[in-house]
């Protein structure tokens, strides 16, 4: 994970991002909280799952409000463009 990926997470609070993990999970997530604090050695992201190639590993998505993912587990992050409406 690069500094640009961390900034992408921070810039997309309450928005969708495409996250790829070291264990080859591909997920679309809504970023809730990003913690990047070297002093207390906490570097992670809290997110809501929108879709995943491993959706079965999340169980009942309606019962949980968020999941944590350590920065070390993330390979890359990209923003998901907002849908456009043609009228």
PDB file of N, CA and C in Angstrom:
ATOM      1  N   UNK A   1       0.852  -1.170   0.000  1.00  0.00           N
ATOM      2  CA  UNK A   1       0.000   0.000   0.000  1.00  0.00           C
ATOM      3  C   UNK A   1       0.900   1.236   0.000  1.00  0.00           C
ATOM      4  N   UNK A   2       0.554   2.160  -0.851  1.00  0.00           N
ATOM      5  CA  UNK A   2       1.368   3.365  -1.005  1.00  0.00           C
ATOM      6  C   UNK A   2       0.771   4.536  -0.221  1.00  0.00           C
ATOM      7  N   UNK A   3       1.554   5.603  -0.027  1.00  0.00           N
ATOM      8  CA  UNK A   3       0.989   6.810   0.587  1.00  0.00           C
ATOM      9  C   UNK A   3      -0.212   7.341  -0.209  1.00  0.00           C
ATOM     10  N   UNK A   4      -0.194   7.187  -1.525  1.00  0.00           N
ATOM     11  CA  UNK A   4      -1.328   7.627  -2.347  1.00  0.00           C
ATOM     12  C   UNK A   4      -2.582   6.809  -2.036  1.00  0.00           C
ATOM     13  N   UNK A   5      -2.407   5.505  -1.751  1.00  0.00           N
ATOM     14  CA  UNK A   5      -3.551   4.664  -1.366  1.00  0.00           C
ATOM     15  C   UNK A   5      -4.141   5.130  -0.040  1.00  0.00           C
ATOM     16  N   UNK A   6      -3.280   5.457   0.911  1.00  0.00           N
ATOM     17  CA  UNK A   6      -3.748   5.949   2.212  1.00  0.00           C
ATOM     18  C   UNK A   6      -4.517   7.251   2.023  1.00  0.00           C
ATOM     19  N   UNK A   7      -3.978   8.135   1.206  1.00  0.00           N
ATOM     20  CA  UNK A   7      -4.665   9.402   0.945  1.00  0.00           C
ATOM     21  C   UNK A   7      -5.995   9.163   0.248  1.00  0.00           C
ATOM     22  N   UNK A   8      -6.043   8.188  -0.656  1.00  0.00           N
ATOM     23  CA  UNK A   8      -7.296   7.851  -1.335  1.00  0.00           C
ATOM     24  C   UNK A   8      -8.353   7.427  -0.323  1.00  0.00           C
ATOM     25  N   UNK A   9      -7.969   6.618   0.660  1.00  0.00           N
ATOM     26  CA  UNK A   9      -8.917   6.219   1.706  1.00  0.00           C
ATOM     27  C   UNK A   9      -9.411   7.437   2.476  1.00  0.00           C
ATOM     28  N   UNK A  10      -8.484   8.307   2.869  1.00  0.00           N
ATOM     29  CA  UNK A  10      -8.843   9.501   3.635  1.00  0.00           C
ATOM     30  C   UNK A  10      -9.740  10.439   2.837  1.00  0.00           C
ATOM     31  N   UNK A  11      -9.493  10.532   1.540  1.00  0.00           N
ATOM     32  CA  UNK A  11     -10.274  11.426   0.670  1.00  0.00           C
ATOM     33  C   UNK A  11     -11.660  10.889   0.343  1.00  0.00           C
ATOM     34  N   UNK A  12     -11.879   9.623   0.652  1.00  0.00           N
ATOM     35  CA  UNK A  12     -13.137   8.990   0.262  1.00  0.00           C
ATOM     36  C   UNK A  12     -13.970   8.495   1.433  1.00  0.00           C
ATOM     37  N   UNK A  13     -13.903   9.188   2.560  1.00  0.00           N
ATOM     38  CA  UNK A  13     -14.770   8.875   3.695  1.00  0.00           C
ATOM     39  C   UNK A  13     -16.223   9.007   3.221  1.00  0.00           C
ATOM     40  N   UNK A  14     -17.041   8.022   3.556  1.00  0.00           N
ATOM     41  CA  UNK A  14     -18.456   7.959   3.167  1.00  0.00           C
ATOM     42  C   UNK A  14     -18.655   7.782   1.661  1.00  0.00           C
ATOM     43  N   UNK A  15     -17.609   7.362   0.969  1.00  0.00           N
ATOM     44  CA  UNK A  15     -17.694   7.091  -0.463  1.00  0.00           C
ATOM     45  C   UNK A  15     -17.205   5.670  -0.731  1.00  0.00           C
ATOM     46  N   UNK A  16     -17.405   5.230  -1.971  1.00  0.00           N
ATOM     47  CA  UNK A  16     -17.010   3.881  -2.353  1.00  0.00           C
ATOM     48  C   UNK A  16     -15.584   3.842  -2.890  1.00  0.00           C
ATOM     49  N   UNK A  17     -14.869   2.775  -2.516  1.00  0.00           N
ATOM     50  CA  UNK A  17     -13.535   2.511  -3.046  1.00  0.00           C
ATOM     51  C   UNK A  17     -13.435   1.041  -3.441  1.00  0.00           C
ATOM     52  N   UNK A  18     -12.515   0.778  -4.348  1.00  0.00           N
ATOM     53  CA  UNK A  18     -12.186  -0.577  -4.781  1.00  0.00           C
ATOM     54  C   UNK A  18     -10.897  -0.951  -4.062  1.00  0.00           C
ATOM     55  N   UNK A  19     -10.957  -1.963  -3.193  1.00  0.00           N
ATOM     56  CA  UNK A  19      -9.798  -2.390  -2.404  1.00  0.00           C
ATOM     57  C   UNK A  19      -9.385  -3.784  -2.856  1.00  0.00           C
ATOM     58  N   UNK A  20      -8.079  -3.963  -3.066  1.00  0.00           N
ATOM     59  CA  UNK A  20      -7.491  -5.279  -3.359  1.00  0.00           C
ATOM     60  C   UNK A  20      -6.591  -5.634  -2.185  1.00  0.00           C
ATOM     61  N   UNK A  21      -6.712  -6.887  -1.693  1.00  0.00           N
ATOM     62  CA  UNK A  21      -5.955  -7.295  -0.511  1.00  0.00           C
ATOM     63  C   UNK A  21      -4.884  -8.325  -0.860  1.00  0.00           C
ATOM     64  N   UNK A  22      -3.968  -8.545   0.089  1.00  0.00           N
ATOM     65  CA  UNK A  22      -2.870  -9.490  -0.121  1.00  0.00           C
ATOM     66  C   UNK A  22      -3.371 -10.917  -0.310  1.00  0.00           C
ATOM     67  N   UNK A  23      -4.533 -11.237   0.226  1.00  0.00           N
ATOM     68  CA  UNK A  23      -5.085 -12.587   0.044  1.00  0.00           C
ATOM     69  C   UNK A  23      -6.031 -12.663  -1.161  1.00  0.00           C
ATOM     70  N   UNK A  24      -5.880 -11.700  -2.085  1.00  0.00           N
ATOM     71  CA  UNK A  24      -6.572 -11.663  -3.368  1.00  0.00           C
ATOM     72  C   UNK A  24      -8.072 -11.410  -3.284  1.00  0.00           C
ATOM     73  N   UNK A  25      -8.510 -10.791  -2.192  1.00  0.00           N
ATOM     74  CA  UNK A  25      -9.900 -10.356  -2.134  1.00  0.00           C
ATOM     75  C   UNK A  25     -10.029  -9.060  -2.927  1.00  0.00           C
ATOM     76  N   UNK A  26     -11.099  -8.963  -3.688  1.00  0.00           N
ATOM     77  CA  UNK A  26     -11.438  -7.751  -4.430  1.00  0.00           C
ATOM     78  C   UNK A  26     -12.769  -7.282  -3.869  1.00  0.00           C
ATOM     79  N   UNK A  27     -12.788  -6.087  -3.282  1.00  0.00           N
ATOM     80  CA  UNK A  27     -14.041  -5.645  -2.690  1.00  0.00           C
ATOM     81  C   UNK A  27     -14.324  -4.191  -2.978  1.00  0.00           C
ATOM     82  N   UNK A  28     -15.599  -3.911  -3.057  1.00  0.00           N
ATOM     83  CA  UNK A  28     -16.089  -2.539  -3.122  1.00  0.00           C
ATOM     84  C   UNK A  28     -16.604  -2.236  -1.731  1.00  0.00           C
ATOM     85  N   UNK A  29     -16.096  -1.146  -1.155  1.00  0.00           N
ATOM     86  CA  UNK A  29     -16.421  -0.828   0.237  1.00  0.00           C
ATOM     87  C   UNK A  29     -16.719   0.652   0.393  1.00  0.00           C
ATOM     88  N   UNK A  30     -17.588   0.952   1.344  1.00  0.00           N
ATOM     89  CA  UNK A  30     -17.834   2.336   1.735  1.00  0.00           C
ATOM     90  C   UNK A  30     -16.929   2.631   2.930  1.00  0.00           C
ATOM     91  N   UNK A  31     -16.023   3.577   2.767  1.00  0.00           N
ATOM     92  CA  UNK A  31     -15.055   3.918   3.814  1.00  0.00           C
ATOM     93  C   UNK A  31     -15.777   4.638   4.950  1.00  0.00           C
ATOM     94  N   UNK A  32     -15.586   4.150   6.173  1.00  0.00           N
ATOM     95  CA  UNK A  32     -16.206   4.763   7.346  1.00  0.00           C
ATOM     96  C   UNK A  32     -15.198   5.587   8.137  1.00  0.00           C
ATOM     97  N   UNK A  33     -14.083   4.960   8.527  1.00  0.00           N
ATOM     98  CA  UNK A  33     -13.064   5.616   9.353  1.00  0.00           C
ATOM     99  C   UNK A  33     -11.689   5.149   8.887  1.00  0.00           C
ATOM    100  N   UNK A  34     -10.748   6.075   8.808  1.00  0.00           N
ATOM    101  CA  UNK A  34      -9.357   5.741   8.503  1.00  0.00           C
ATOM    102  C   UNK A  34      -8.513   6.174   9.690  1.00  0.00           C
ATOM    103  N   UNK A  35      -7.751   5.243  10.249  1.00  0.00           N
ATOM    104  CA  UNK A  35      -6.856   5.543  11.364  1.00  0.00           C
ATOM    105  C   UNK A  35      -5.427   5.358  10.875  1.00  0.00           C
ATOM    106  N   UNK A  36      -4.653   6.434  10.898  1.00  0.00           N
ATOM    107  CA  UNK A  36      -3.264   6.409  10.441  1.00  0.00           C
ATOM    108  C   UNK A  36      -2.433   7.125  11.488  1.00  0.00           C
ATOM    109  N   UNK A  37      -2.145   6.421  12.568  1.00  0.00           N
ATOM    110  CA  UNK A  37      -1.463   7.028  13.703  1.00  0.00           C
ATOM    111  C   UNK A  37      -0.247   6.192  14.089  1.00  0.00           C
ATOM    112  N   UNK A  38       0.928   6.617  13.638  1.00  0.00           N
ATOM    113  CA  UNK A  38       2.157   5.891  13.947  1.00  0.00           C
ATOM    114  C   UNK A  38       2.481   5.918  15.438  1.00  0.00           C
ATOM    115  N   UNK A  39       2.086   6.989  16.122  1.00  0.00           N
ATOM    116  CA  UNK A  39       2.404   7.132  17.545  1.00  0.00           C
ATOM    117  C   UNK A  39       1.783   6.006  18.376  1.00  0.00           C
ATOM    118  N   UNK A  40       0.536   5.674  18.081  1.00  0.00           N
ATOM    119  CA  UNK A  40      -0.119   4.584  18.814  1.00  0.00           C
ATOM    120  C   UNK A  40      -0.101   3.283  18.011  1.00  0.00           C
ATOM    121  N   UNK A  41       0.580   3.299  16.873  1.00  0.00           N
ATOM    122  CA  UNK A  41       0.778   2.131  16.010  1.00  0.00           C
ATOM    123  C   UNK A  41      -0.542   1.508  15.564  1.00  0.00           C
ATOM    124  N   UNK A  42      -1.457   2.363  15.139  1.00  0.00           N
ATOM    125  CA  UNK A  42      -2.725   1.893  14.581  1.00  0.00           C
ATOM    126  C   UNK A  42      -2.858   2.458  13.178  1.00  0.00           C
ATOM    127  N   UNK A  43      -2.953   1.571  12.207  1.00  0.00           N
ATOM    128  CA  UNK A  43      -3.102   1.971  10.810  1.00  0.00           C
ATOM    129  C   UNK A  43      -4.086   1.015  10.168  1.00  0.00           C
ATOM    130  N   UNK A  44      -5.356   1.445  10.115  1.00  0.00           N
ATOM    131  CA  UNK A  44      -6.376   0.585   9.538  1.00  0.00           C
ATOM    132  C   UNK A  44      -7.535   1.400   8.986  1.00  0.00           C
ATOM    133  N   UNK A  45      -8.441   0.697   8.334  1.00  0.00           N
ATOM    134  CA  UNK A  45      -9.633   1.331   7.776  1.00  0.00           C
ATOM    135  C   UNK A  45     -10.855   0.533   8.232  1.00  0.00           C
ATOM    136  N   UNK A  46     -11.896   1.239   8.637  1.00  0.00           N
ATOM    137  CA  UNK A  46     -13.175   0.612   8.937  1.00  0.00           C
ATOM    138  C   UNK A  46     -14.067   0.853   7.728  1.00  0.00           C
ATOM    139  N   UNK A  47     -14.759  -0.194   7.286  1.00  0.00           N
ATOM    140  CA  UNK A  47     -15.538  -0.088   6.061  1.00  0.00           C
ATOM    141  C   UNK A  47     -16.807  -0.931   6.123  1.00  0.00           C
ATOM    142  N   UNK A  48     -17.744  -0.579   5.262  1.00  0.00           N
ATOM    143  CA  UNK A  48     -18.937  -1.390   5.008  1.00  0.00           C
ATOM    144  C   UNK A  48     -18.720  -2.106   3.692  1.00  0.00           C
ATOM    145  N   UNK A  49     -19.040  -3.378   3.637  1.00  0.00           N
ATOM    146  CA  UNK A  49     -18.912  -4.150   2.405  1.00  0.00           C
ATOM    147  C   UNK A  49     -20.103  -3.862   1.497  1.00  0.00           C
ATOM    148  N   UNK A  50     -19.817  -3.534   0.241  1.00  0.00           N
ATOM    149  CA  UNK A  50     -20.863  -3.390  -0.763  1.00  0.00           C
ATOM    150  C   UNK A  50     -20.877  -4.637  -1.639  1.00  0.00           C
ATOM    151  N   UNK A  51     -19.686  -5.076  -2.070  1.00  0.00           N
ATOM    152  CA  UNK A  51     -19.565  -6.329  -2.811  1.00  0.00           C
ATOM    153  C   UNK A  51     -18.154  -6.872  -2.630  1.00  0.00           C
ATOM    154  N   UNK A  52     -18.003  -8.185  -2.846  1.00  0.00           N
ATOM    155  CA  UNK A  52     -16.716  -8.844  -2.668  1.00  0.00           C
ATOM    156  C   UNK A  52     -16.710 -10.158  -3.437  1.00  0.00           C
ATOM    157  N   UNK A  53     -15.529 -10.566  -3.894  1.00  0.00           N
ATOM    158  CA  UNK A  53     -15.407 -11.891  -4.493  1.00  0.00           C
ATOM    159  C   UNK A  53     -15.397 -12.979  -3.413  1.00  0.00           C
ATOM    160  N   UNK A  54     -15.446 -12.573  -2.149  1.00  0.00           N
ATOM    161  CA  UNK A  54     -15.515 -13.504  -1.011  1.00  0.00           C
ATOM    162  C   UNK A  54     -16.653 -13.115  -0.069  1.00  0.00           C
ATOM    163  N   UNK A  55     -17.770 -12.767  -0.647  1.00  0.00           N
ATOM    164  CA  UNK A  55     -18.900 -12.257   0.142  1.00  0.00           C
ATOM    165  C   UNK A  55     -19.360 -13.257   1.206  1.00  0.00           C
ATOM    166  N   UNK A  56     -19.195 -14.557   0.941  1.00  0.00           N
ATOM    167  CA  UNK A  56     -19.625 -15.576   1.907  1.00  0.00           C
ATOM    168  C   UNK A  56     -18.843 -15.508   3.212  1.00  0.00           C
ATOM    169  N   UNK A  57     -17.645 -14.942   3.196  1.00  0.00           N
ATOM    170  CA  UNK A  57     -16.842 -14.858   4.422  1.00  0.00           C
ATOM    171  C   UNK A  57     -17.351 -13.788   5.387  1.00  0.00           C
ATOM    172  N   UNK A  58     -18.304 -12.962   4.951  1.00  0.00           N
ATOM    173  CA  UNK A  58     -18.827 -11.896   5.794  1.00  0.00           C
ATOM    174  C   UNK A  58     -20.085 -12.299   6.558  1.00  0.00           C
ATOM    175  N   UNK A  59     -20.645 -13.457   6.277  1.00  0.00           N
ATOM    176  CA  UNK A  59     -21.859 -13.873   6.981  1.00  0.00           C
ATOM    177  C   UNK A  59     -23.028 -12.987   6.634  1.00  0.00           C
ATOM    178  N   UNK A  60     -23.847 -12.668   7.621  1.00  0.00           N
ATOM    179  CA  UNK A  60     -25.040 -11.841   7.420  1.00  0.00           C
ATOM    180  C   UNK A  60     -24.645 -10.371   7.473  1.00  0.00           C
ATOM    181  N   UNK A  61     -24.557  -9.735   6.319  1.00  0.00           N
ATOM    182  CA  UNK A  61     -24.096  -8.348   6.249  1.00  0.00           C
ATOM    183  C   UNK A  61     -25.040  -7.366   6.928  1.00  0.00           C
ATOM    184  N   UNK A  62     -26.293  -7.737   7.102  1.00  0.00           N
ATOM    185  CA  UNK A  62     -27.249  -6.816   7.711  1.00  0.00           C
ATOM    186  C   UNK A  62     -27.047  -6.673   9.214  1.00  0.00           C
ATOM    187  N   UNK A  63     -26.363  -7.635   9.844  1.00  0.00           N
ATOM    188  CA  UNK A  63     -26.188  -7.601  11.293  1.00  0.00           C
ATOM    189  C   UNK A  63     -24.970  -6.790  11.745  1.00  0.00           C
ATOM    190  N   UNK A  64     -24.051  -6.490  10.840  1.00  0.00           N
ATOM    191  CA  UNK A  64     -22.817  -5.820  11.235  1.00  0.00           C
ATOM    192  C   UNK A  64     -22.712  -4.473  10.546  1.00  0.00           C
ATOM    193  N   UNK A  65     -22.191  -3.502  11.254  1.00  0.00           N
ATOM    194  CA  UNK A  65     -22.108  -2.167  10.681  1.00  0.00           C
ATOM    195  C   UNK A  65     -20.765  -1.886  10.014  1.00  0.00           C
ATOM    196  N   UNK A  66     -19.700  -2.591  10.386  1.00  0.00           N
ATOM    197  CA  UNK A  66     -18.413  -2.308   9.781  1.00  0.00           C
ATOM    198  C   UNK A  66     -17.375  -3.372  10.056  1.00  0.00           C
ATOM    199  N   UNK A  67     -16.338  -3.367   9.224  1.00  0.00           N
ATOM    200  CA  UNK A  67     -15.229  -4.302   9.341  1.00  0.00           C
ATOM    201  C   UNK A  67     -13.938  -3.517   9.361  1.00  0.00           C
ATOM    202  N   UNK A  68     -12.892  -4.076   9.994  1.00  0.00           N
ATOM    203  CA  UNK A  68     -11.574  -3.446  10.039  1.00  0.00           C
ATOM    204  C   UNK A  68     -10.612  -4.172   9.118  1.00  0.00           C
ATOM    205  N   UNK A  69      -9.760  -3.402   8.467  1.00  0.00           N
ATOM    206  CA  UNK A  69      -8.727  -3.972   7.611  1.00  0.00           C
ATOM    207  C   UNK A  69      -7.442  -3.200   7.877  1.00  0.00           C
ATOM    208  N   UNK A  70      -6.386  -3.921   8.308  1.00  0.00           N
ATOM    209  CA  UNK A  70      -5.086  -3.291   8.552  1.00  0.00           C
ATOM    210  C   UNK A  70      -4.460  -2.870   7.231  1.00  0.00           C
ATOM    211  N   UNK A  71      -3.734  -1.774   7.248  1.00  0.00           N
ATOM    212  CA  UNK A  71      -3.080  -1.294   6.041  1.00  0.00           C
ATOM    213  C   UNK A  71      -2.164  -2.355   5.429  1.00  0.00           C
ATOM    214  N   UNK A  72      -1.508  -3.175   6.258  1.00  0.00           N
ATOM    215  CA  UNK A  72      -0.596  -4.205   5.751  1.00  0.00           C
ATOM    216  C   UNK A  72      -1.305  -5.228   4.871  1.00  0.00           C
ATOM    217  N   UNK A  73      -2.611  -5.361   5.034  1.00  0.00           N
ATOM    218  CA  UNK A  73      -3.380  -6.331   4.263  1.00  0.00           C
ATOM    219  C   UNK A  73      -3.847  -5.780   2.911  1.00  0.00           C
ATOM    220  N   UNK A  74      -3.637  -4.488   2.681  1.00  0.00           N
ATOM    221  CA  UNK A  74      -4.146  -3.848   1.470  1.00  0.00           C
ATOM    222  C   UNK A  74      -3.027  -3.735   0.435  1.00  0.00           C
ATOM    223  N   UNK A  75      -3.340  -4.164  -0.787  1.00  0.00           N
ATOM    224  CA  UNK A  75      -2.401  -4.048  -1.905  1.00  0.00           C
ATOM    225  C   UNK A  75      -2.625  -2.736  -2.644  1.00  0.00           C
ATOM    226  N   UNK A  76      -3.899  -2.406  -2.910  1.00  0.00           N
ATOM    227  CA  UNK A  76      -4.191  -1.169  -3.637  1.00  0.00           C
ATOM    228  C   UNK A  76      -5.592  -0.671  -3.324  1.00  0.00           C
ATOM    229  N   UNK A  77      -5.785   0.629  -3.582  1.00  0.00           N
ATOM    230  CA  UNK A  77      -7.075   1.289  -3.365  1.00  0.00           C
ATOM    231  C   UNK A  77      -7.328   2.216  -4.549  1.00  0.00           C
ATOM    232  N   UNK A  78      -8.553   2.189  -5.073  1.00  0.00           N
ATOM    233  CA  UNK A  78      -8.956   3.121  -6.127  1.00  0.00           C
ATOM    234  C   UNK A  78     -10.346   3.647  -5.794  1.00  0.00           C
ATOM    235  N   UNK A  79     -10.591   4.915  -6.060  1.00  0.00           N
ATOM    236  CA  UNK A  79     -11.953   5.419  -5.860  1.00  0.00           C
ATOM    237  C   UNK A  79     -12.892   4.805  -6.891  1.00  0.00           C
ATOM    238  N   UNK A  80     -14.133   4.621  -6.493  1.00  0.00           N
ATOM    239  CA  UNK A  80     -15.166   4.164  -7.419  1.00  0.00           C
ATOM    240  C   UNK A  80     -15.911   5.414  -7.881  1.00  0.00           C
ATOM    241  N   UNK A  81     -15.940   5.660  -9.194  1.00  0.00           N
ATOM    242  CA  UNK A  81     -16.622   6.868  -9.673  1.00  0.00           C
ATOM    243  C   UNK A  81     -18.098   6.879  -9.287  1.00  0.00           C
ATOM    244  N   UNK A  82     -18.585   8.050  -8.939  1.00  0.00           N
ATOM    245  CA  UNK A  82     -20.016   8.190  -8.619  1.00  0.00           C
ATOM    246  C   UNK A  82     -20.820   7.958  -9.899  1.00  0.00           C
ATOM    247  N   UNK A  83     -21.972   7.332  -9.757  1.00  0.00           N
ATOM    248  CA  UNK A  83     -22.793   7.100 -10.957  1.00  0.00           C
ATOM    249  C   UNK A  83     -23.256   8.420 -11.561  1.00  0.00           C
ATOM    250  N   UNK A  84     -23.345   8.438 -12.863  1.00  0.00           N
ATOM    251  CA  UNK A  84     -23.839   9.621 -13.548  1.00  0.00           C
ATOM    252  C   UNK A  84     -25.282   9.385 -13.985  1.00  0.00           C
ATOM    253  N   UNK A  85     -26.022  10.448 -14.053  1.00  0.00           N
ATOM    254  CA  UNK A  85     -27.405  10.329 -14.502  1.00  0.00           C
ATOM    255  C   UNK A  85     -27.562  11.124 -15.787  1.00  0.00           C
ATOM    256  N   UNK A  86     -28.107  10.472 -16.774  1.00  0.00           N
ATOM    257  CA  UNK A  86     -28.401  11.124 -18.046  1.00  0.00           C
ATOM    258  C   UNK A  86     -29.879  11.386 -18.120  1.00  0.00           C
ATOM    259  N   UNK A  87     -30.245  12.635 -18.242  1.00  0.00           N
ATOM    260  CA  UNK A  87     -31.671  12.966 -18.300  1.00  0.00           C
ATOM    261  C   UNK A  87     -31.979  13.706 -19.554  1.00  0.00           C
TER     262      UNK A  87
END
